[in-house]
Amino acid sequence: MKLIVRNIAPSCGEQEVREFLKRELGHYAKSVEVVDAGKPTAYATVELDAQVPYVGEVIARQIHGKQLGGVALEATADLFSDEPPPEH
C-alpha cells in the first residue's frame, strides 16, 4: 500500500522531505521516494508497512494538512495502483 503526499513546497529538498515523512510515519514507512524535489510539481510516495486498507487512510488523514516548508501537505492512500500519481 502506498501513501502519496503532494503539495510539497519547492523550498524543501529531497532529504528534508524524506526525513520529515520518516519521522512522522515511524515504523509505518518502509520506503520513501521523493519526485521532482525543489519544483512545484514535487510529490512523495511512501511504501507503507500496513496490510489493512483502512490503516492507510488513517495515516493519510494524519499527514494531510501537516506543515512542511510553510505549506500544508496533501496526502492520500493509494490502495490499488502502482501507477505514478496524476499531476496535480
C-alpha atoms as a PDB file:
ATOM      1  CA  MET A   1       0.000   0.000   0.000  1.00  0.00           C
ATOM      2  CA  LYS A   2       1.285   3.459  -0.876  1.00  0.00           C
ATOM      3  CA  LEU A   3       0.772   6.874   0.590  1.00  0.00           C
ATOM      4  CA  ILE A   4       1.018   9.760  -1.865  1.00  0.00           C
ATOM      5  CA  VAL A   5       1.991  13.152  -0.475  1.00  0.00           C
ATOM      6  CA  ARG A   6       1.531  16.223  -2.666  1.00  0.00           C
ATOM      7  CA  ASN A   7       1.813  19.993  -2.290  1.00  0.00           C
ATOM      8  CA  ILE A   8       5.443  19.857  -1.179  1.00  0.00           C
ATOM      9  CA  ALA A   9       6.990  23.323  -1.015  1.00  0.00           C
ATOM     10  CA  PRO A  10       9.652  23.969  -3.686  1.00  0.00           C
ATOM     11  CA  SER A  11      11.951  25.186  -0.895  1.00  0.00           C
ATOM     12  CA  CYS A  12      12.076  21.652   0.573  1.00  0.00           C
ATOM     13  CA  GLY A  13      14.888  19.376  -0.530  1.00  0.00           C
ATOM     14  CA  GLU A  14      14.581  15.641  -1.070  1.00  0.00           C
ATOM     15  CA  GLN A  15      16.381  14.763   2.168  1.00  0.00           C
ATOM     16  CA  GLU A  16      14.234  17.149   4.208  1.00  0.00           C
ATOM     17  CA  VAL A  17      11.013  15.622   2.830  1.00  0.00           C
ATOM     18  CA  ARG A  18      12.274  12.070   3.377  1.00  0.00           C
ATOM     19  CA  GLU A  19      13.322  12.774   6.988  1.00  0.00           C
ATOM     20  CA  PHE A  20      10.050  14.556   7.762  1.00  0.00           C
ATOM     21  CA  LEU A  21       7.918  11.682   6.456  1.00  0.00           C
ATOM     22  CA  LYS A  22      10.010   9.015   8.175  1.00  0.00           C
ATOM     23  CA  ARG A  23       9.789  10.923  11.454  1.00  0.00           C
ATOM     24  CA  GLU A  24       6.021  11.451  11.135  1.00  0.00           C
ATOM     25  CA  LEU A  25       5.224   7.908   9.988  1.00  0.00           C
ATOM     26  CA  GLY A  26       7.691   5.999  12.157  1.00  0.00           C
ATOM     27  CA  HIS A  27       7.619   2.245  11.626  1.00  0.00           C
ATOM     28  CA  TYR A  28       4.816   2.500   9.031  1.00  0.00           C
ATOM     29  CA  ALA A  29       7.217   3.931   6.421  1.00  0.00           C
ATOM     30  CA  LYS A  30       9.018   1.093   4.626  1.00  0.00           C
ATOM     31  CA  SER A  31      10.480   3.378   1.974  1.00  0.00           C
ATOM     32  CA  VAL A  32      10.089   6.980   0.840  1.00  0.00           C
ATOM     33  CA  GLU A  33      10.645   8.224  -2.710  1.00  0.00           C
ATOM     34  CA  VAL A  34      10.607  11.948  -3.458  1.00  0.00           C
ATOM     35  CA  VAL A  35       9.979  13.007  -7.064  1.00  0.00           C
ATOM     36  CA  ASP A  36      10.775  16.461  -8.507  1.00  0.00           C
ATOM     37  CA  ALA A  37      12.101  17.889  -5.220  1.00  0.00           C
ATOM     38  CA  GLY A  38      12.538  21.648  -5.448  1.00  0.00           C
ATOM     39  CA  LYS A  39       9.839  22.011  -8.112  1.00  0.00           C
ATOM     40  CA  PRO A  40       6.169  22.999  -7.766  1.00  0.00           C
ATOM     41  CA  THR A  41       5.186  19.518  -9.017  1.00  0.00           C
ATOM     42  CA  ALA A  42       7.072  17.680  -6.254  1.00  0.00           C
ATOM     43  CA  TYR A  43       5.413  14.714  -4.583  1.00  0.00           C
ATOM     44  CA  ALA A  44       6.445  11.749  -2.494  1.00  0.00           C
ATOM     45  CA  THR A  45       5.356   8.133  -2.439  1.00  0.00           C
ATOM     46  CA  VAL A  46       5.685   6.157   0.746  1.00  0.00           C
ATOM     47  CA  GLU A  47       5.518   2.374   0.798  1.00  0.00           C
ATOM     48  CA  LEU A  48       3.510   1.644   3.936  1.00  0.00           C
ATOM     49  CA  ASP A  49       4.051  -1.327   6.181  1.00  0.00           C
ATOM     50  CA  ALA A  50       0.336  -1.887   6.699  1.00  0.00           C
ATOM     51  CA  GLN A  51      -1.768  -4.762   5.460  1.00  0.00           C
ATOM     52  CA  VAL A  52      -5.235  -3.426   6.251  1.00  0.00           C
ATOM     53  CA  PRO A  53      -6.565  -0.809   3.793  1.00  0.00           C
ATOM     54  CA  TYR A  54      -8.194   1.431   6.378  1.00  0.00           C
ATOM     55  CA  VAL A  55      -4.828   1.914   8.118  1.00  0.00           C
ATOM     56  CA  GLY A  56      -3.540   3.683   5.007  1.00  0.00           C
ATOM     57  CA  GLU A  57      -6.497   6.061   5.065  1.00  0.00           C
ATOM     58  CA  VAL A  58      -5.959   6.811   8.757  1.00  0.00           C
ATOM     59  CA  ILE A  59      -2.270   7.505   8.112  1.00  0.00           C
ATOM     60  CA  ALA A  60      -3.152   9.760   5.154  1.00  0.00           C
ATOM     61  CA  ARG A  61      -5.518  11.763   7.373  1.00  0.00           C
ATOM     62  CA  GLN A  62      -2.762  12.196   9.953  1.00  0.00           C
ATOM     63  CA  ILE A  63      -0.308  13.604   7.384  1.00  0.00           C
ATOM     64  CA  HIS A  64      -2.872  15.637   5.414  1.00  0.00           C
ATOM     65  CA  GLY A  65      -2.635  19.270   6.462  1.00  0.00           C
ATOM     66  CA  LYS A  66       0.691  18.972   8.323  1.00  0.00           C
ATOM     67  CA  GLN A  67       3.015  21.861   7.575  1.00  0.00           C
ATOM     68  CA  LEU A  68       6.322  21.349   5.775  1.00  0.00           C
ATOM     69  CA  GLY A  69       8.219  24.363   4.492  1.00  0.00           C
ATOM     70  CA  GLY A  70       5.276  26.606   5.406  1.00  0.00           C
ATOM     71  CA  VAL A  71       2.872  24.696   3.159  1.00  0.00           C
ATOM     72  CA  ALA A  72       0.078  22.290   4.152  1.00  0.00           C
ATOM     73  CA  LEU A  73       0.669  18.815   2.722  1.00  0.00           C
ATOM     74  CA  GLU A  74      -1.980  16.813   0.880  1.00  0.00           C
ATOM     75  CA  ALA A  75      -1.950  13.054   1.445  1.00  0.00           C
ATOM     76  CA  THR A  76      -3.967  10.157   0.083  1.00  0.00           C
ATOM     77  CA  ALA A  77      -3.672   6.403   0.394  1.00  0.00           C
ATOM     78  CA  ASP A  78      -3.322   4.598  -2.929  1.00  0.00           C
ATOM     79  CA  LEU A  79      -4.711   1.142  -2.247  1.00  0.00           C
ATOM     80  CA  PHE A  80      -4.905  -0.345  -5.721  1.00  0.00           C
ATOM     81  CA  SER A  81      -2.399   1.130  -8.135  1.00  0.00           C
ATOM     82  CA  ASP A  82       1.325   1.012  -8.727  1.00  0.00           C
ATOM     83  CA  GLU A  83       0.989   3.789 -11.312  1.00  0.00           C
ATOM     84  CA  PRO A  84       2.540   7.181 -10.544  1.00  0.00           C
ATOM     85  CA  PRO A  85       0.047   9.708  -9.227  1.00  0.00           C
ATOM     86  CA  PRO A  86      -1.535  12.102 -11.699  1.00  0.00           C
ATOM     87  CA  GLU A  87      -0.042  15.588 -11.841  1.00  0.00           C
ATOM     88  CA  HIS A  88      -1.850  17.976  -9.563  1.00  0.00           C
END
